[in-house]
Amino acid sequence: PLDIFYEAEEYHQDYYQNNTEQGYCNFVITPK
């Protein structure tokens, strides 16, 4: 059951869209 949802810090929002060239994004997220 959901207790509390805490929104992550601003820099995590739209992370892939804002960081597509970053290594983790290129090698992990883009293939997914």
All heavy atoms as atom14 arrays in JSON, in Angstrom:
{
  "sequence": "PLDIFYEAEEYHQDYYQNNTEQGYCNFVITPK",
  "atom14_mask": [
    [1, 1, 1, 1, 1, 1, 1, 0, 0, 0, 0, 0, 0, 0],
    [1, 1, 1, 1, 1, 1, 1, 1, 0, 0, 0, 0, 0, 0],
    [1, 1, 1, 1, 1, 1, 1, 1, 0, 0, 0, 0, 0, 0],
    [1, 1, 1, 1, 1, 1, 1, 1, 0, 0, 0, 0, 0, 0],
    [1, 1, 1, 1, 1, 1, 1, 1, 1, 1, 1, 0, 0, 0],
    [1, 1, 1, 1, 1, 1, 1, 1, 1, 1, 1, 1, 0, 0],
    [1, 1, 1, 1, 1, 1, 1, 1, 1, 0, 0, 0, 0, 0],
    [1, 1, 1, 1, 1, 0, 0, 0, 0, 0, 0, 0, 0, 0],
    [1, 1, 1, 1, 1, 1, 1, 1, 1, 0, 0, 0, 0, 0],
    [1, 1, 1, 1, 1, 1, 1, 1, 1, 0, 0, 0, 0, 0],
    [1, 1, 1, 1, 1, 1, 1, 1, 1, 1, 1, 1, 0, 0],
    [1, 1, 1, 1, 1, 1, 1, 1, 1, 1, 0, 0, 0, 0],
    [1, 1, 1, 1, 1, 1, 1, 1, 1, 0, 0, 0, 0, 0],
    [1, 1, 1, 1, 1, 1, 1, 1, 0, 0, 0, 0, 0, 0],
    [1, 1, 1, 1, 1, 1, 1, 1, 1, 1, 1, 1, 0, 0],
    [1, 1, 1, 1, 1, 1, 1, 1, 1, 1, 1, 1, 0, 0],
    [1, 1, 1, 1, 1, 1, 1, 1, 1, 0, 0, 0, 0, 0],
    [1, 1, 1, 1, 1, 1, 1, 1, 0, 0, 0, 0, 0, 0],
    [1, 1, 1, 1, 1, 1, 1, 1, 0, 0, 0, 0, 0, 0],
    [1, 1, 1, 1, 1, 1, 1, 0, 0, 0, 0, 0, 0, 0],
    [1, 1, 1, 1, 1, 1, 1, 1, 1, 0, 0, 0, 0, 0],
    [1, 1, 1, 1, 1, 1, 1, 1, 1, 0, 0, 0, 0, 0],
    [1, 1, 1, 1, 0, 0, 0, 0, 0, 0, 0, 0, 0, 0],
    [1, 1, 1, 1, 1, 1, 1, 1, 1, 1, 1, 1, 0, 0],
    [1, 1, 1, 1, 1, 1, 0, 0, 0, 0, 0, 0, 0, 0],
    [1, 1, 1, 1, 1, 1, 1, 1, 0, 0, 0, 0, 0, 0],
    [1, 1, 1, 1, 1, 1, 1, 1, 1, 1, 1, 0, 0, 0],
    [1, 1, 1, 1, 1, 1, 1, 0, 0, 0, 0, 0, 0, 0],
    [1, 1, 1, 1, 1, 1, 1, 1, 0, 0, 0, 0, 0, 0],
    [1, 1, 1, 1, 1, 1, 1, 0, 0, 0, 0, 0, 0, 0],
    [1, 1, 1, 1, 1, 1, 1, 0, 0, 0, 0, 0, 0, 0],
    [1, 1, 1, 1, 1, 1, 1, 1, 1, 0, 0, 0, 0, 0]
  ],
  "atom14_positions": [
    [[0.84, -1.2, 0.0], [0.0, 0.0, 0.0], [0.88, 1.25, 0.0], [1.95, 1.27, 0.61], [-0.79, -0.11, 1.3], [0.02, -1.0, 2.18], [0.77, -1.92, 1.27], [0.0, 0.0, 0.0], [0.0, 0.0, 0.0], [0.0, 0.0, 0.0], [0.0, 0.0, 0.0], [0.0, 0.0, 0.0], [0.0, 0.0, 0.0], [0.0, 0.0, 0.0]],
    [[0.42, 2.27, -0.7], [1.14, 3.55, -0.73], [0.97, 4.23, 0.61], [-0.14, 4.37, 1.11], [0.62, 4.45, -1.84], [1.26, 5.84, -1.88], [2.73, 5.73, -2.27], [0.51, 6.73, -2.84], [0.0, 0.0, 0.0], [0.0, 0.0, 0.0], [0.0, 0.0, 0.0], [0.0, 0.0, 0.0], [0.0, 0.0, 0.0], [0.0, 0.0, 0.0]],
    [[2.07, 4.63, 1.2], [2.02, 5.42, 2.42], [2.18, 6.89, 2.02], [1.21, 7.62, 1.96], [3.12, 4.98, 3.39], [3.07, 5.71, 4.72], [2.02, 6.3, 5.03], [4.08, 5.7, 5.43], [0.0, 0.0, 0.0], [0.0, 0.0, 0.0], [0.0, 0.0, 0.0], [0.0, 0.0, 0.0], [0.0, 0.0, 0.0], [0.0, 0.0, 0.0]],
    [[3.39, 7.29, 1.7], [3.66, 8.66, 1.29], [4.54, 8.63, 0.05], [5.47, 7.82, -0.05], [4.39, 9.44, 2.41], [3.53, 9.51, 3.65], [4.76, 10.85, 1.95], [4.24, 10.13, 4.86], [0.0, 0.0, 0.0], [0.0, 0.0, 0.0], [0.0, 0.0, 0.0], [0.0, 0.0, 0.0], [0.0, 0.0, 0.0], [0.0, 0.0, 0.0]],
    [[4.25, 9.51, -0.9], [5.1, 9.7, -2.07], [5.8, 11.04, -1.91], [5.15, 12.06, -1.69], [4.26, 9.69, -3.36], [5.05, 10.12, -4.57], [5.9, 9.23, -5.2], [4.95, 11.4, -5.07], [6.64, 9.61, -6.31], [5.67, 11.8, -6.17], [6.52, 10.9, -6.79], [0.0, 0.0, 0.0], [0.0, 0.0, 0.0], [0.0, 0.0, 0.0]],
    [[7.12, 11.01, -2.0], [7.9, 12.24, -1.95], [8.46, 12.51, -3.34], [9.13, 11.66, -3.93], [9.09, 12.11, -0.99], [8.7, 11.92, 0.45], [8.78, 10.66, 1.04], [8.27, 13.0, 1.21], [8.43, 10.48, 2.38], [7.92, 12.83, 2.54], [8.01, 11.57, 3.12], [7.66, 11.4, 4.44], [0.0, 0.0, 0.0], [0.0, 0.0, 0.0]],
    [[8.21, 13.7, -3.88], [8.75, 14.08, -5.17], [10.26, 14.26, -5.06], [10.75, 14.86, -4.1], [8.09, 15.38, -5.63], [8.42, 15.76, -7.04], [7.6, 16.93, -7.55], [6.39, 16.99, -7.26], [8.19, 17.79, -8.24], [0.0, 0.0, 0.0], [0.0, 0.0, 0.0], [0.0, 0.0, 0.0], [0.0, 0.0, 0.0], [0.0, 0.0, 0.0]],
    [[10.98, 13.72, -6.04], [12.44, 13.85, -6.06], [12.84, 15.29, -6.37], [12.03, 16.09, -6.87], [13.04, 12.9, -7.09], [0.0, 0.0, 0.0], [0.0, 0.0, 0.0], [0.0, 0.0, 0.0], [0.0, 0.0, 0.0], [0.0, 0.0, 0.0], [0.0, 0.0, 0.0], [0.0, 0.0, 0.0], [0.0, 0.0, 0.0], [0.0, 0.0, 0.0]],
    [[14.07, 15.58, -6.11], [14.62, 16.91, -6.36], [14.44, 17.29, -7.83], [14.37, 16.44, -8.7], [16.11, 16.95, -5.99], [16.39, 16.75, -4.51], [16.4, 15.28, -4.05], [16.05, 14.37, -4.84], [16.77, 15.04, -2.9], [0.0, 0.0, 0.0], [0.0, 0.0, 0.0], [0.0, 0.0, 0.0], [0.0, 0.0, 0.0], [0.0, 0.0, 0.0]],
    [[14.41, 18.59, -8.08], [14.15, 19.13, -9.42], [15.09, 18.56, -10.49], [14.66, 18.26, -11.6], [14.26, 20.66, -9.4], [13.93, 21.33, -10.7], [12.52, 21.09, -11.22], [11.58, 20.99, -10.41], [12.36, 20.99, -12.45], [0.0, 0.0, 0.0], [0.0, 0.0, 0.0], [0.0, 0.0, 0.0], [0.0, 0.0, 0.0], [0.0, 0.0, 0.0]],
    [[16.36, 18.37, -10.16], [17.3, 17.92, -11.19], [17.04, 16.47, -11.64], [17.59, 16.02, -12.65], [18.76, 18.09, -10.75], [19.24, 17.22, -9.62], [19.88, 16.0, -9.86], [19.07, 17.6, -8.29], [20.34, 15.2, -8.82], [19.52, 16.81, -7.24], [20.15, 15.61, -7.52], [20.61, 14.83, -6.49], [0.0, 0.0, 0.0], [0.0, 0.0, 0.0]],
    [[16.18, 15.74, -10.93], [15.81, 14.39, -11.35], [14.61, 14.4, -12.3], [14.35, 13.41, -12.98], [15.46, 13.51, -10.15], [16.64, 13.18, -9.3], [17.7, 12.44, -9.76], [16.93, 13.51, -8.02], [18.59, 12.31, -8.79], [18.15, 12.96, -7.73], [0.0, 0.0, 0.0], [0.0, 0.0, 0.0], [0.0, 0.0, 0.0], [0.0, 0.0, 0.0]],
    [[13.87, 15.5, -12.35], [12.68, 15.59, -13.19], [13.1, 15.68, -14.66], [14.01, 16.44, -15.01], [11.84, 16.81, -12.8], [11.51, 16.91, -11.31], [10.79, 15.7, -10.74], [9.87, 15.16, -11.36], [11.18, 15.28, -9.56], [0.0, 0.0, 0.0], [0.0, 0.0, 0.0], [0.0, 0.0, 0.0], [0.0, 0.0, 0.0], [0.0, 0.0, 0.0]],
    [[12.47, 14.9, -15.51], [12.77, 14.87, -16.95], [14.25, 14.61, -17.2], [14.85, 15.16, -18.12], [12.35, 16.19, -17.62], [10.87, 16.47, -17.47], [10.07, 15.55, -17.71], [10.51, 17.61, -17.1], [0.0, 0.0, 0.0], [0.0, 0.0, 0.0], [0.0, 0.0, 0.0], [0.0, 0.0, 0.0], [0.0, 0.0, 0.0], [0.0, 0.0, 0.0]],
    [[14.84, 13.75, -16.4], [16.28, 13.55, -16.44], [16.79, 13.11, -17.81], [17.72, 13.7, -18.36], [16.73, 12.54, -15.37], [18.23, 12.55, -15.22], [18.84, 13.49, -14.39], [19.04, 11.68, -15.94], [20.22, 13.53, -14.26], [20.42, 11.73, -15.81], [21.0, 12.65, -14.98], [22.36, 12.72, -14.88], [0.0, 0.0, 0.0], [0.0, 0.0, 0.0]],
    [[16.18, 12.11, -18.38], [16.64, 11.62, -19.68], [16.49, 12.69, -20.76], [17.4, 12.92, -21.55], [15.9, 10.34, -20.08], [16.32, 9.81, -21.43], [17.53, 9.12, -21.57], [15.54, 9.99, -22.56], [17.94, 8.64, -22.8], [15.93, 9.51, -23.79], [17.14, 8.84, -23.92], [17.54, 8.37, -25.13], [0.0, 0.0, 0.0], [0.0, 0.0, 0.0]],
    [[15.33, 13.35, -20.78], [15.09, 14.39, -21.78], [16.12, 15.51, -21.68], [16.51, 16.08, -22.7], [13.69, 14.97, -21.61], [12.59, 14.02, -21.98], [11.2, 14.57, -21.7], [11.03, 15.71, -21.27], [10.19, 13.75, -21.95], [0.0, 0.0, 0.0], [0.0, 0.0, 0.0], [0.0, 0.0, 0.0], [0.0, 0.0, 0.0], [0.0, 0.0, 0.0]],
    [[16.56, 15.8, -20.48], [17.51, 16.89, -20.27], [18.98, 16.46, -20.34], [19.87, 17.31, -20.32], [17.26, 17.55, -18.9], [15.92, 18.24, -18.84], [15.42, 18.74, -19.84], [15.32, 18.25, -17.67], [0.0, 0.0, 0.0], [0.0, 0.0, 0.0], [0.0, 0.0, 0.0], [0.0, 0.0, 0.0], [0.0, 0.0, 0.0], [0.0, 0.0, 0.0]],
    [[19.24, 15.15, -20.4], [20.62, 14.65, -20.34], [20.88, 13.49, -21.29], [21.64, 12.58, -20.97], [20.92, 14.19, -18.9], [20.82, 15.3, -17.9], [21.73, 16.1, -17.75], [19.69, 15.36, -17.2], [0.0, 0.0, 0.0], [0.0, 0.0, 0.0], [0.0, 0.0, 0.0], [0.0, 0.0, 0.0], [0.0, 0.0, 0.0], [0.0, 0.0, 0.0]],
    [[20.3, 13.52, -22.48], [20.41, 12.36, -23.38], [21.84, 12.02, -23.76], [22.12, 10.87, -24.09], [19.58, 12.57, -24.67], [19.98, 13.81, -25.26], [18.1, 12.57, -24.38], [0.0, 0.0, 0.0], [0.0, 0.0, 0.0], [0.0, 0.0, 0.0], [0.0, 0.0, 0.0], [0.0, 0.0, 0.0], [0.0, 0.0, 0.0], [0.0, 0.0, 0.0]],
    [[22.75, 12.98, -23.72], [24.14, 12.72, -24.1], [24.99, 12.2, -22.95], [26.13, 11.79, -23.15], [24.77, 13.98, -24.71], [24.09, 14.44, -25.99], [23.98, 13.34, -27.04], [25.0, 12.66, -27.31], [22.88, 13.15, -27.59], [0.0, 0.0, 0.0], [0.0, 0.0, 0.0], [0.0, 0.0, 0.0], [0.0, 0.0, 0.0], [0.0, 0.0, 0.0]],
    [[24.45, 12.23, -21.74], [25.18, 11.75, -20.57], [25.42, 10.25, -20.71], [24.6, 9.54, -21.28], [24.37, 12.09, -19.31], [25.13, 11.92, -18.03], [24.5, 10.85, -17.15], [23.8, 9.97, -17.59], [24.81, 10.93, -15.88], [0.0, 0.0, 0.0], [0.0, 0.0, 0.0], [0.0, 0.0, 0.0], [0.0, 0.0, 0.0], [0.0, 0.0, 0.0]],
    [[26.54, 9.75, -20.21], [26.93, 8.35, -20.38], [25.87, 7.35, -19.94], [25.54, 6.42, -20.69], [0.0, 0.0, 0.0], [0.0, 0.0, 0.0], [0.0, 0.0, 0.0], [0.0, 0.0, 0.0], [0.0, 0.0, 0.0], [0.0, 0.0, 0.0], [0.0, 0.0, 0.0], [0.0, 0.0, 0.0], [0.0, 0.0, 0.0], [0.0, 0.0, 0.0]],
    [[25.33, 7.5, -18.74], [24.32, 6.56, -18.23], [23.11, 6.55, -19.16], [22.57, 5.48, -19.47], [23.91, 6.95, -16.8], [22.95, 5.98, -16.17], [23.41, 4.86, -15.47], [21.56, 6.15, -16.25], [22.55, 3.96, -14.88], [20.69, 5.25, -15.67], [21.18, 4.16, -14.99], [20.32, 3.26, -14.41], [0.0, 0.0, 0.0], [0.0, 0.0, 0.0]],
    [[22.71, 7.72, -19.6], [21.55, 7.8, -20.49], [21.82, 7.08, -21.81], [21.0, 6.32, -22.3], [21.18, 9.26, -20.75], [20.56, 10.11, -19.29], [0.0, 0.0, 0.0], [0.0, 0.0, 0.0], [0.0, 0.0, 0.0], [0.0, 0.0, 0.0], [0.0, 0.0, 0.0], [0.0, 0.0, 0.0], [0.0, 0.0, 0.0], [0.0, 0.0, 0.0]],
    [[23.0, 7.32, -22.38], [23.39, 6.71, -23.65], [23.48, 5.2, -23.58], [23.01, 4.5, -24.48], [24.75, 7.25, -24.09], [24.63, 8.27, -25.19], [23.74, 8.21, -26.01], [25.55, 9.21, -25.21], [0.0, 0.0, 0.0], [0.0, 0.0, 0.0], [0.0, 0.0, 0.0], [0.0, 0.0, 0.0], [0.0, 0.0, 0.0], [0.0, 0.0, 0.0]],
    [[24.08, 4.7, -22.52], [24.38, 3.27, -22.46], [23.32, 2.42, -21.76], [23.26, 1.22, -21.96], [25.75, 3.05, -21.82], [26.86, 3.62, -22.65], [27.51, 4.77, -22.25], [27.22, 3.03, -23.84], [28.53, 5.32, -23.03], [28.24, 3.57, -24.63], [28.89, 4.72, -24.22], [0.0, 0.0, 0.0], [0.0, 0.0, 0.0], [0.0, 0.0, 0.0]],
    [[22.49, 3.05, -20.93], [21.48, 2.28, -20.19], [20.06, 2.63, -20.64], [19.28, 1.74, -20.99], [21.63, 2.5, -18.66], [20.53, 1.76, -17.9], [23.0, 2.03, -18.19], [0.0, 0.0, 0.0], [0.0, 0.0, 0.0], [0.0, 0.0, 0.0], [0.0, 0.0, 0.0], [0.0, 0.0, 0.0], [0.0, 0.0, 0.0], [0.0, 0.0, 0.0]],
    [[19.73, 3.9, -20.64], [18.33, 4.29, -20.92], [17.99, 4.21, -22.4], [16.94, 3.68, -22.77], [18.03, 5.7, -20.36], [18.28, 5.71, -18.84], [16.58, 6.09, -20.66], [18.14, 7.08, -18.19], [0.0, 0.0, 0.0], [0.0, 0.0, 0.0], [0.0, 0.0, 0.0], [0.0, 0.0, 0.0], [0.0, 0.0, 0.0], [0.0, 0.0, 0.0]],
    [[18.85, 4.7, -23.28], [18.55, 4.69, -24.71], [18.27, 3.27, -25.22], [17.26, 3.07, -25.92], [19.68, 5.37, -25.52], [19.75, 6.75, -25.09], [19.4, 5.33, -27.01], [0.0, 0.0, 0.0], [0.0, 0.0, 0.0], [0.0, 0.0, 0.0], [0.0, 0.0, 0.0], [0.0, 0.0, 0.0], [0.0, 0.0, 0.0], [0.0, 0.0, 0.0]],
    [[19.06, 2.25, -24.88], [18.72, 0.88, -25.32], [17.4, 0.38, -24.74], [16.63, -0.32, -25.42], [19.9, 0.03, -24.82], [21.02, 0.99, -24.63], [20.39, 2.29, -24.24], [0.0, 0.0, 0.0], [0.0, 0.0, 0.0], [0.0, 0.0, 0.0], [0.0, 0.0, 0.0], [0.0, 0.0, 0.0], [0.0, 0.0, 0.0], [0.0, 0.0, 0.0]],
    [[17.1, 0.74, -23.47], [15.82, 0.33, -22.87], [14.65, 0.96, -23.64], [13.64, 0.32, -23.89], [15.74, 0.78, -21.4], [16.35, -0.18, -20.44], [16.02, 0.25, -19.02], [16.41, -0.84, -18.08], [15.56, -0.98, -16.95], [0.0, 0.0, 0.0], [0.0, 0.0, 0.0], [0.0, 0.0, 0.0], [0.0, 0.0, 0.0], [0.0, 0.0, 0.0]]
  ]
}
